[in-house]
Amino acid sequence: MRKHLTTKRKTGKIIPFIQNGEYYFKKGLSAYRRRDLYRAKKYLERAVHLNSQEPMFLCQLAVVLSELGEYQASNQLFLKIINELDPSMTECLYFIANNYAYLGLFREAMKYAEMYLEREPDGDFAEETEDLLELLSIENEDEYTLNNQDDLIVKQERAHNLLANGQFTEAIQLLETIIKDYPQFWSAYNNLALCYFYIGNVKKAQQMIAEVLEQNPGNLHALCNMLVFYYYLQEEKEVNHLIKKLETVYPFLMEHRYKLGATFALVERFDLAFKWLHNLYKMGFDGDSAFYYWLSYAAYYKGYQQLAETTWKKVLHLSPEKRGQEPWSSTFATKPQEMMRIQQWLNSENTSEILYGLYLVGKSLYKDELIKQTCFQQHLHSKSLIQSFANYIIFPTARIISNYVADSLSIVDVISKNNDVSNERMCVAWFSIFGKAAELEYDFSNHSAWAAATEYVWGKQNGEKTTQKAIAEKYGISVSTVKKYVKTVKSLLL
């Protein structure tokens, strides 16, 4: 072998280094232990492709698929192991039972749970299986949920395809049949509610979701759908109440994180949307067009322009017809979007973000409408700094309001004038600096100097390559002035 390799090197030929299934299995296992589930899935699928008869490869892939919410695909692998490859791997029966329980197929879940206990009465998962059976017995006090489970799987898949293809009338008919036969199959209720919503029957859609939440209060899909309905009906009080409830949720399953992130994006709470969608993105989530669409919007409104542009390229690759719908496209910005974006800042718990929101109110064409809303009115009775800004927006000429409020807003004007409008985080950073400087009664009359120093310090903190000389030229002031104010800003941030 050594001689053969030497000969190959002399002739300049490249010997392909072909990895076997064991190599990819180990990489998949390592990714799984890091909780990088999508990378683990990728490697394990490669391992199974190279050796489809190795039960351990299939078992580990099935476990990953289950954690990703792909229960049917997971069970196909577990069943192949137990029926064809290695009947002694009885733990597969327990995993199959769990997957069927998640799918709402309780008869099948009970069958495999009982099968596991019959074969392994003292097995590693005996206690967990007994707990599962106890839970299933509670869920299935009525026999209707235990019949015709194979038929439900077929109907569920068909209904999903009809909904995805926009065939709402056909989907409604099928989903109503499913609900009649399986009154506790909540997924069908949620999908039926969406169908009614899409055809304009919002009242019926809300009734369907309310029915789910009455019997299954923690159903995440139902809560998310209800939030979307409230949002489109402009029921602000209900929207805010439900957002507060959902922002405390921490989903374990990837599909639930996606659902939560996409829902927050739909209602234009891009701060919360970014939390979950970016979390999936960092984990290597291989999303569809809608995933990248909402991630791009969330990134843009959080001030991450580069990430927004990168993910938008993926949107156009998957759905070219969305060209022109970029979050930074002025032709796509509508009144509700602008107002909701400002409301997001006003509803923040961070003082700097609230002050930036108040600044935006003063600049908005919909200023009068925004001032009337609760998200603005609450700040008229807030702590002194926020209250001063809110009052200034309404009464900009009032003598009782300190000059530093007007100076602070003018400094944001200078920052915005010299930068891309998407650099909102730089403006928020200024209000953070201002809050500390105001306590020390600094003079804010040199607007350009404060703006230049803010951009320089903020840029350095975010990895920007710039110099004080370049900033001085940009803002039309001396380098010594920039240096002086940069020193002040840095001292305030310590």
Protein backbone atom coordinates (compact mmCIF):
# COMPACT_ATOMS: atom_id res chain seq x y z
CA MET A 1 0.00 0.00 0.00
CA ARG A 2 2.81 2.40 0.90
CA LYS A 3 4.53 1.69 -2.38
CA HIS A 4 1.30 2.24 -4.27
CA LEU A 5 0.76 5.61 -2.60
CA THR A 6 4.32 6.66 -3.39
CA THR A 7 3.81 5.81 -7.02
CA LYS A 8 0.63 7.84 -7.16
CA ARG A 9 2.37 10.88 -5.70
CA LYS A 10 5.13 10.63 -8.29
CA THR A 11 2.67 10.63 -11.18
CA GLY A 12 0.86 13.64 -9.72
CA LYS A 13 -2.51 11.92 -9.50
CA ILE A 14 -4.90 12.54 -6.62
CA ILE A 15 -6.22 9.60 -4.67
CA PRO A 16 -9.82 10.23 -3.58
CA PHE A 17 -10.30 9.99 0.17
CA ILE A 18 -13.65 8.24 0.47
CA GLN A 19 -15.15 8.23 3.94
CA ASN A 20 -17.22 5.28 5.09
CA GLY A 21 -20.46 5.23 7.03
CA GLU A 22 -18.68 4.96 10.37
CA TYR A 23 -16.92 8.26 9.74
CA TYR A 24 -20.17 10.14 9.09
CA PHE A 25 -21.89 8.36 11.98
CA LYS A 26 -19.26 9.64 14.41
CA LYS A 27 -19.53 13.16 13.02
CA GLY A 28 -23.30 12.99 13.29
CA LEU A 29 -23.08 11.73 16.85
CA SER A 30 -20.69 14.55 17.74
CA ALA A 31 -23.05 17.14 16.23
CA TYR A 32 -25.97 15.61 18.12
CA ARG A 33 -24.11 15.91 21.42
CA ARG A 34 -23.53 19.60 20.63
CA ARG A 35 -27.31 19.88 19.98
CA ASP A 36 -26.61 20.85 16.36
CA LEU A 37 -29.53 18.72 15.21
CA TYR A 38 -29.65 19.74 11.57
CA ARG A 39 -25.96 19.07 11.03
CA ALA A 40 -26.37 15.77 12.89
CA LYS A 41 -29.23 14.84 10.56
CA LYS A 42 -27.12 15.65 7.51
CA TYR A 43 -24.19 13.48 8.62
CA LEU A 44 -26.35 10.60 9.80
CA GLU A 45 -28.31 10.55 6.55
CA ARG A 46 -24.99 10.24 4.76
CA ALA A 47 -23.98 7.36 7.05
CA VAL A 48 -27.27 5.54 6.38
CA HIS A 49 -26.88 6.13 2.66
CA LEU A 50 -23.47 4.44 2.76
CA ASN A 51 -24.65 1.58 4.97
CA SER A 52 -28.41 1.19 5.16
CA GLN A 53 -28.18 -2.14 6.98
CA GLU A 54 -26.40 -0.88 10.10
CA PRO A 55 -29.14 -0.61 12.77
CA MET A 56 -27.20 1.80 14.98
CA PHE A 57 -26.92 4.28 12.13
CA LEU A 58 -30.65 4.14 11.50
CA CYS A 59 -31.47 4.31 15.20
CA GLN A 60 -29.45 7.45 15.82
CA LEU A 61 -30.89 9.13 12.74
CA ALA A 62 -34.40 8.20 13.91
CA VAL A 63 -33.72 9.78 17.32
CA VAL A 64 -32.60 13.02 15.66
CA LEU A 65 -35.63 13.07 13.37
CA SER A 66 -37.88 12.64 16.38
CA GLU A 67 -36.31 15.62 18.15
CA LEU A 68 -36.78 17.66 14.98
CA GLY A 69 -40.48 16.81 14.99
CA GLU A 70 -40.30 14.50 11.96
CA TYR A 71 -42.15 11.74 13.79
CA GLN A 72 -43.41 9.72 10.84
CA ALA A 73 -40.00 9.57 9.17
CA SER A 74 -38.49 8.63 12.52
CA ASN A 75 -40.93 5.76 13.01
CA GLN A 76 -40.24 4.40 9.54
CA LEU A 77 -36.62 3.91 10.55
CA PHE A 78 -37.43 2.45 13.96
CA LEU A 79 -39.86 0.00 12.37
CA LYS A 80 -37.28 -1.07 9.80
CA ILE A 81 -34.82 -1.78 12.61
CA ILE A 82 -37.23 -3.79 14.73
CA ASN A 83 -38.84 -5.67 11.81
CA GLU A 84 -35.90 -6.24 9.48
CA LEU A 85 -32.49 -5.50 10.93
CA ASP A 86 -32.31 -6.23 14.65
CA PRO A 87 -35.42 -7.32 16.61
CA SER A 88 -33.35 -7.31 19.80
CA MET A 89 -33.22 -3.49 19.80
CA THR A 90 -36.45 -3.32 21.78
CA GLU A 91 -35.85 0.28 22.83
CA CYS A 92 -37.11 1.18 19.37
CA LEU A 93 -40.59 0.15 20.51
CA TYR A 94 -40.54 2.77 23.24
CA PHE A 95 -39.41 5.48 20.81
CA ILE A 96 -42.10 4.46 18.32
CA ALA A 97 -44.74 4.75 21.05
CA ASN A 98 -43.53 8.25 21.92
CA ASN A 99 -43.59 9.37 18.30
CA TYR A 100 -47.14 8.13 17.80
CA ALA A 101 -48.19 9.93 20.99
CA TYR A 102 -46.78 13.21 19.63
CA LEU A 103 -48.71 12.62 16.41
CA GLY A 104 -51.91 12.10 18.38
CA LEU A 105 -52.17 8.49 17.20
CA PHE A 106 -52.91 7.11 20.64
CA ARG A 107 -53.98 3.58 19.68
CA GLU A 108 -50.68 3.00 17.93
CA ALA A 109 -48.80 4.59 20.82
CA MET A 110 -50.46 2.28 23.32
CA LYS A 111 -49.84 -0.77 21.14
CA TYR A 112 -46.10 -0.23 20.94
CA ALA A 113 -45.79 0.83 24.58
CA GLU A 114 -47.48 -2.39 25.67
CA MET A 115 -45.31 -4.34 23.25
CA TYR A 116 -42.18 -2.88 24.83
CA LEU A 117 -43.28 -3.78 28.38
CA GLU A 118 -44.21 -7.28 27.25
CA ARG A 119 -40.68 -7.84 25.90
CA GLU A 120 -38.78 -5.77 28.48
CA PRO A 121 -40.76 -5.64 31.76
CA ASP A 122 -37.58 -4.53 33.58
CA GLY A 123 -36.00 -2.70 30.65
CA ASP A 124 -34.21 0.64 30.71
CA PHE A 125 -37.36 2.45 29.58
CA ALA A 126 -39.89 0.42 31.60
CA GLU A 127 -40.69 3.22 34.04
CA GLU A 128 -41.00 5.83 31.28
CA THR A 129 -43.24 3.49 29.29
CA GLU A 130 -45.55 2.95 32.24
CA ASP A 131 -45.82 6.72 32.67
CA LEU A 132 -46.62 7.06 28.98
CA LEU A 133 -49.34 4.43 29.19
CA GLU A 134 -50.87 6.19 32.18
CA LEU A 135 -50.91 9.44 30.25
CA LEU A 136 -52.39 7.77 27.20
CA SER A 137 -55.13 6.20 29.26
CA ILE A 138 -56.14 9.70 30.41
CA GLU A 139 -56.02 11.08 26.88
CA ASN A 140 -58.04 8.20 25.54
CA GLU A 141 -60.97 7.77 27.86
CA ASP A 142 -63.13 7.77 24.73
CA GLU A 143 -62.59 5.00 22.23
CA TYR A 144 -63.00 7.15 19.13
CA THR A 145 -59.36 8.26 19.25
CA LEU A 146 -58.20 4.66 19.08
CA ASN A 147 -59.76 3.67 15.77
CA ASN A 148 -58.60 3.82 12.17
CA GLN A 149 -55.22 5.41 12.88
CA ASP A 150 -53.76 4.45 9.49
CA ASP A 151 -56.65 6.21 7.81
CA LEU A 152 -55.90 9.36 9.83
CA ILE A 153 -52.28 9.43 8.67
CA VAL A 154 -53.36 9.32 5.03
CA LYS A 155 -56.02 11.99 5.48
CA GLN A 156 -53.71 14.25 7.45
CA GLU A 157 -51.06 14.17 4.73
CA ARG A 158 -53.62 14.84 2.02
CA ALA A 159 -55.10 17.79 3.94
CA HIS A 160 -51.64 19.27 4.43
CA ASN A 161 -50.97 19.11 0.68
CA LEU A 162 -54.31 20.73 -0.15
CA LEU A 163 -53.61 23.58 2.28
CA ALA A 164 -50.09 24.09 0.92
CA ASN A 165 -51.45 24.28 -2.65
CA GLY A 166 -54.14 26.81 -1.77
CA GLN A 167 -57.03 24.40 -2.35
CA PHE A 168 -58.88 25.69 0.69
CA THR A 169 -62.39 24.49 -0.14
CA GLU A 170 -61.21 20.90 -0.61
CA ALA A 171 -59.02 21.13 2.49
CA ILE A 172 -61.94 22.39 4.59
CA GLN A 173 -64.11 19.45 3.55
CA LEU A 174 -61.40 16.93 4.38
CA LEU A 175 -60.41 18.55 7.68
CA GLU A 176 -64.02 18.71 8.85
CA THR A 177 -64.26 14.99 8.17
CA ILE A 178 -61.09 14.36 10.18
CA ILE A 179 -62.39 16.40 13.12
CA LYS A 180 -65.69 14.53 13.05
CA ASP A 181 -63.86 11.21 13.25
CA TYR A 182 -61.08 12.39 15.61
CA PRO A 183 -62.47 15.19 17.82
CA GLN A 184 -59.21 15.58 19.77
CA PHE A 185 -56.82 15.71 16.84
CA TRP A 186 -55.79 19.34 17.42
CA SER A 187 -53.62 19.68 14.34
CA ALA A 188 -56.72 19.33 12.16
CA TYR A 189 -58.46 22.13 14.08
CA ASN A 190 -55.49 24.45 13.61
CA ASN A 191 -55.27 23.74 9.89
CA LEU A 192 -59.02 24.17 9.49
CA ALA A 193 -58.85 27.53 11.26
CA LEU A 194 -56.15 28.64 8.81
CA CYS A 195 -58.32 27.61 5.88
CA TYR A 196 -61.24 29.67 7.14
CA PHE A 197 -58.93 32.59 7.75
CA TYR A 198 -57.49 32.42 4.23
CA ILE A 199 -60.94 32.49 2.63
CA GLY A 200 -61.94 35.49 4.75
CA ASN A 201 -64.11 33.84 7.41
CA VAL A 202 -62.11 35.20 10.34
CA LYS A 203 -64.92 34.75 12.88
CA LYS A 204 -65.12 31.03 12.12
CA ALA A 205 -61.34 30.76 12.26
CA GLN A 206 -61.28 32.30 15.73
CA GLN A 207 -64.03 29.98 16.91
CA MET A 208 -61.99 26.96 15.82
CA ILE A 209 -58.90 28.17 17.68
CA ALA A 210 -60.92 29.05 20.77
CA GLU A 211 -62.28 25.51 20.81
CA VAL A 212 -58.75 24.10 20.73
CA LEU A 213 -57.49 26.38 23.49
CA GLU A 214 -60.49 25.62 25.69
CA GLN A 215 -59.63 21.93 25.69
CA ASN A 216 -55.87 22.17 25.12
CA PRO A 217 -54.76 25.52 26.63
CA GLY A 218 -51.04 25.11 25.94
CA ASN A 219 -51.34 24.30 22.24
CA LEU A 220 -48.56 26.46 20.75
CA HIS A 221 -49.83 26.37 17.16
CA ALA A 222 -53.27 27.50 18.29
CA LEU A 223 -51.84 30.34 20.38
CA CYS A 224 -49.70 31.51 17.47
CA ASN A 225 -52.61 31.37 15.04
CA MET A 226 -54.81 33.33 17.41
CA LEU A 227 -52.14 36.01 17.70
CA VAL A 228 -52.05 36.38 13.92
CA PHE A 229 -55.84 36.68 13.79
CA TYR A 230 -55.87 39.39 16.47
CA TYR A 231 -53.12 41.25 14.63
CA TYR A 232 -54.97 41.37 11.33
CA LEU A 233 -58.13 42.45 13.12
CA GLN A 234 -56.06 45.26 14.72
CA GLU A 235 -57.15 44.25 18.21
CA GLU A 236 -54.13 45.85 19.86
CA LYS A 237 -54.98 44.98 23.46
CA GLU A 238 -55.36 41.27 22.70
CA VAL A 239 -52.21 41.31 20.55
CA ASN A 240 -50.09 42.77 23.33
CA HIS A 241 -51.56 40.39 25.92
CA LEU A 242 -50.83 37.32 23.82
CA ILE A 243 -47.34 38.50 22.87
CA LYS A 244 -46.47 38.82 26.55
CA LYS A 245 -47.70 35.29 27.08
CA LEU A 246 -45.80 33.82 24.13
CA GLU A 247 -42.51 35.61 24.75
CA THR A 248 -42.08 33.56 27.94
CA VAL A 249 -42.34 30.29 25.99
CA TYR A 250 -39.13 28.36 25.32
CA PRO A 251 -39.89 25.58 22.80
CA PHE A 252 -37.71 22.49 22.70
CA LEU A 253 -38.72 21.27 19.25
CA MET A 254 -37.26 22.99 16.19
CA GLU A 255 -40.64 23.16 14.43
CA HIS A 256 -42.09 25.00 17.42
CA ARG A 257 -39.22 27.50 17.41
CA TYR A 258 -39.83 28.12 13.72
CA LYS A 259 -43.57 28.55 14.30
CA LEU A 260 -42.98 30.99 17.15
CA GLY A 261 -40.37 33.00 15.24
CA ALA A 262 -42.45 33.20 12.07
CA THR A 263 -45.52 34.24 14.05
CA PHE A 264 -43.66 37.06 15.81
CA ALA A 265 -42.44 38.21 12.40
CA LEU A 266 -45.96 38.13 10.96
CA VAL A 267 -47.15 40.48 13.70
CA GLU A 268 -44.04 42.60 13.18
CA ARG A 269 -42.39 41.92 16.54
CA PHE A 270 -39.11 41.47 14.75
CA ASP A 271 -37.09 41.65 17.96
CA LEU A 272 -38.72 38.47 19.25
CA ALA A 273 -38.78 36.91 15.78
CA PHE A 274 -35.04 37.40 15.42
CA LYS A 275 -34.42 35.59 18.71
CA TRP A 276 -35.88 32.32 17.44
CA LEU A 277 -35.18 32.51 13.70
CA HIS A 278 -31.56 33.47 14.21
CA ASN A 279 -31.25 30.71 16.79
CA LEU A 280 -32.31 28.20 14.13
CA TYR A 281 -30.06 29.83 11.53
CA LYS A 282 -27.00 29.47 13.78
CA MET A 283 -27.84 25.81 14.33
CA GLY A 284 -27.69 25.19 10.57
CA PHE A 285 -31.44 25.02 10.02
CA ASP A 286 -32.09 24.31 6.33
CA GLY A 287 -35.24 26.37 6.02
CA ASP A 288 -37.68 27.04 3.23
CA SER A 289 -38.29 30.34 1.47
CA ALA A 290 -40.61 31.59 4.22
CA PHE A 291 -37.95 30.98 6.87
CA TYR A 292 -35.35 33.09 5.10
CA TYR A 293 -37.96 35.71 4.22
CA TRP A 294 -38.86 36.36 7.83
CA LEU A 295 -35.27 36.03 9.05
CA SER A 296 -34.25 38.71 6.55
CA TYR A 297 -37.01 41.02 7.82
CA ALA A 298 -36.16 40.35 11.45
CA ALA A 299 -32.46 40.94 10.85
CA TYR A 300 -33.15 44.17 8.94
CA TYR A 301 -35.35 45.66 11.64
CA LYS A 302 -32.85 44.63 14.31
CA GLY A 303 -30.18 46.59 12.45
CA TYR A 304 -28.24 43.63 11.00
CA GLN A 305 -28.18 44.82 7.40
CA GLN A 306 -25.53 42.37 6.14
CA LEU A 307 -27.33 39.33 7.52
CA ALA A 308 -30.60 40.64 6.07
CA GLU A 309 -29.02 40.93 2.62
CA THR A 310 -27.38 37.49 2.84
CA THR A 311 -30.59 35.73 3.80
CA TRP A 312 -32.59 37.67 1.21
CA LYS A 313 -30.37 36.18 -1.50
CA LYS A 314 -31.58 32.77 -0.31
CA VAL A 315 -35.17 33.98 -0.57
CA LEU A 316 -34.68 35.02 -4.19
CA HIS A 317 -32.93 31.73 -4.98
CA LEU A 318 -35.89 29.75 -3.64
CA SER A 319 -38.67 32.18 -4.65
CA PRO A 320 -37.56 34.59 -7.43
CA GLU A 321 -41.07 36.07 -7.58
CA LYS A 322 -40.43 37.83 -4.25
CA ARG A 323 -38.00 40.26 -5.89
CA GLY A 324 -39.05 43.77 -4.92
CA GLN A 325 -40.37 42.71 -1.51
CA GLU A 326 -37.08 43.36 0.29
CA PRO A 327 -37.55 44.77 3.80
CA TRP A 328 -35.57 47.86 2.78
CA SER A 329 -37.70 48.48 -0.31
CA SER A 330 -39.64 51.74 0.09
CA THR A 331 -42.28 50.49 -2.33
CA PHE A 332 -43.04 47.64 0.03
CA ALA A 333 -43.24 49.75 3.21
CA THR A 334 -46.87 50.30 4.15
CA LYS A 335 -48.52 52.40 6.80
CA PRO A 336 -49.29 49.48 9.16
CA GLN A 337 -45.71 48.22 8.86
CA GLU A 338 -44.22 51.58 9.78
CA MET A 339 -46.58 52.03 12.68
CA MET A 340 -46.01 48.53 13.99
CA ARG A 341 -42.24 49.00 13.73
CA ILE A 342 -42.45 52.16 15.84
CA GLN A 343 -44.77 50.44 18.31
CA GLN A 344 -42.16 47.73 18.78
CA TRP A 345 -39.66 50.32 20.00
CA LEU A 346 -42.24 52.01 22.22
CA ASN A 347 -43.20 48.68 23.82
CA SER A 348 -39.60 47.88 24.72
CA GLU A 349 -38.47 47.67 28.33
CA ASN A 350 -35.15 49.31 27.41
CA THR A 351 -35.07 53.09 27.98
CA SER A 352 -32.76 53.75 25.02
CA GLU A 353 -35.05 51.85 22.65
CA ILE A 354 -38.12 53.67 23.96
CA LEU A 355 -36.42 57.03 23.40
CA TYR A 356 -35.59 56.02 19.84
CA GLY A 357 -39.23 55.00 19.36
CA LEU A 358 -40.35 58.43 20.54
CA TYR A 359 -37.91 60.02 18.11
CA LEU A 360 -39.49 58.00 15.29
CA VAL A 361 -42.96 59.11 16.32
CA GLY A 362 -41.88 62.71 15.88
CA LYS A 363 -40.64 61.94 12.35
CA SER A 364 -43.55 59.77 11.25
CA LEU A 365 -46.27 60.84 8.83
CA TYR A 366 -48.64 59.04 11.20
CA LYS A 367 -47.52 60.98 14.26
CA ASP A 368 -51.05 62.02 15.26
CA GLU A 369 -52.32 58.43 15.09
CA LEU A 370 -49.37 57.08 17.04
CA ILE A 371 -49.74 59.67 19.82
CA LYS A 372 -53.29 58.47 20.47
CA GLN A 373 -52.23 54.86 20.95
CA THR A 374 -51.63 53.21 24.31
CA CYS A 375 -48.00 52.40 23.53
CA PHE A 376 -47.31 56.15 23.36
CA GLN A 377 -49.71 57.41 26.04
CA GLN A 378 -48.16 55.20 28.71
CA HIS A 379 -44.91 57.14 28.40
CA LEU A 380 -46.56 60.43 29.33
CA HIS A 381 -46.71 59.05 32.87
CA SER A 382 -43.38 57.26 32.85
CA LYS A 383 -40.10 58.11 34.58
CA SER A 384 -38.86 61.65 34.07
CA LEU A 385 -36.50 61.19 31.09
CA ILE A 386 -38.97 59.23 28.97
CA GLN A 387 -41.81 61.52 30.04
CA SER A 388 -39.81 64.58 28.92
CA PHE A 389 -39.27 63.10 25.48
CA ALA A 390 -42.93 62.06 25.11
CA ASN A 391 -44.10 65.54 26.09
CA TYR A 392 -41.65 67.13 23.67
CA ILE A 393 -43.09 65.09 20.78
CA ILE A 394 -46.53 66.58 21.53
CA PHE A 395 -45.44 70.06 22.63
CA PRO A 396 -42.08 70.78 20.91
CA THR A 397 -42.20 74.48 21.81
CA ALA A 398 -43.09 74.09 25.48
CA ARG A 399 -40.74 76.06 27.74
CA ILE A 400 -40.99 73.60 30.59
CA ILE A 401 -39.06 71.00 28.58
CA SER A 402 -35.27 71.10 28.92
CA ASN A 403 -33.16 72.07 25.93
CA TYR A 404 -31.17 68.83 26.16
CA VAL A 405 -34.19 66.91 24.86
CA ALA A 406 -34.23 68.91 21.63
CA ASP A 407 -30.42 68.68 21.39
CA SER A 408 -30.52 64.91 21.80
CA LEU A 409 -33.04 64.51 18.99
CA SER A 410 -31.04 66.84 16.77
CA ILE A 411 -27.97 64.67 17.30
CA VAL A 412 -29.95 61.67 16.04
CA ASP A 413 -30.87 63.75 13.00
CA VAL A 414 -27.17 64.28 12.32
CA ILE A 415 -26.41 60.57 12.75
CA SER A 416 -29.27 59.60 10.41
CA LYS A 417 -28.25 62.21 7.82
CA ASN A 418 -24.73 60.81 7.63
CA ASN A 419 -25.64 57.12 7.64
CA ASP A 420 -27.89 54.56 6.04
CA VAL A 421 -31.37 54.64 7.55
CA SER A 422 -31.03 50.98 8.53
CA ASN A 423 -28.41 51.78 11.19
CA GLU A 424 -31.05 52.06 13.88
CA ARG A 425 -28.87 50.39 16.47
CA MET A 426 -26.39 53.25 16.21
CA CYS A 427 -29.21 55.66 17.06
CA VAL A 428 -30.23 53.50 20.01
CA ALA A 429 -26.58 53.50 21.13
CA TRP A 430 -26.64 57.29 21.13
CA PHE A 431 -29.64 57.36 23.47
CA SER A 432 -27.79 55.01 25.79
CA ILE A 433 -24.84 57.41 25.82
CA PHE A 434 -27.17 60.38 26.21
CA GLY A 435 -28.96 58.87 29.21
CA LYS A 436 -25.70 58.69 31.15
CA ALA A 437 -24.42 62.06 29.94
CA ALA A 438 -27.68 63.80 30.87
CA GLU A 439 -27.33 62.67 34.49
CA LEU A 440 -23.93 64.39 34.58
CA GLU A 441 -25.36 67.53 32.93
CA TYR A 442 -23.11 67.50 29.88
CA ASP A 443 -23.45 70.15 27.19
CA PHE A 444 -25.07 68.75 24.02
CA SER A 445 -24.91 71.83 21.82
CA ASN A 446 -22.17 70.45 19.54
CA HIS A 447 -24.41 68.05 17.65
CA SER A 448 -21.88 66.99 15.02
CA ALA A 449 -19.23 66.19 17.62
CA TRP A 450 -21.53 63.95 19.67
CA ALA A 451 -22.82 62.25 16.50
CA ALA A 452 -19.31 61.65 15.17
CA ALA A 453 -18.06 60.23 18.46
CA THR A 454 -21.10 57.96 18.72
CA GLU A 455 -20.55 56.58 15.22
CA TYR A 456 -16.83 56.02 15.82
CA VAL A 457 -17.24 54.22 19.17
CA TRP A 458 -20.27 52.23 18.01
CA GLY A 459 -18.47 51.26 14.82
CA LYS A 460 -15.40 50.06 16.67
CA GLN A 461 -17.55 47.98 19.02
CA ASN A 462 -19.16 46.34 16.00
CA GLY A 463 -15.94 45.61 14.12
CA GLU A 464 -16.05 48.55 11.70
CA LYS A 465 -12.71 49.61 10.21
CA THR A 466 -12.58 53.39 10.40
CA THR A 467 -10.36 56.18 11.68
CA GLN A 468 -11.00 59.34 13.63
CA LYS A 469 -9.69 61.30 10.66
CA ALA A 470 -12.27 59.72 8.33
CA ILE A 471 -15.06 60.39 10.83
CA ALA A 472 -13.93 63.99 11.24
CA GLU A 473 -14.08 64.53 7.47
CA LYS A 474 -17.46 62.86 7.28
CA TYR A 475 -18.99 65.18 9.90
CA GLY A 476 -17.06 68.30 8.92
CA ILE A 477 -15.24 68.78 12.23
CA SER A 478 -11.62 68.65 13.37
CA VAL A 479 -9.81 65.48 14.36
CA SER A 480 -9.03 66.98 17.76
CA THR A 481 -12.76 67.51 18.38
CA VAL A 482 -13.53 63.92 17.44
CA LYS A 483 -10.76 62.71 19.73
CA LYS A 484 -12.08 64.79 22.62
CA TYR A 485 -15.66 63.57 22.31
CA VAL A 486 -14.64 59.97 21.67
CA LYS A 487 -12.80 60.06 24.98
CA THR A 488 -15.94 61.40 26.66
CA VAL A 489 -18.20 58.77 25.11
CA LYS A 490 -15.86 55.95 26.11
CA SER A 491 -15.78 57.21 29.68
CA LEU A 492 -19.59 57.19 29.78
CA LEU A 493 -19.68 53.59 28.60
CA LEU A 494 -17.26 52.27 31.21
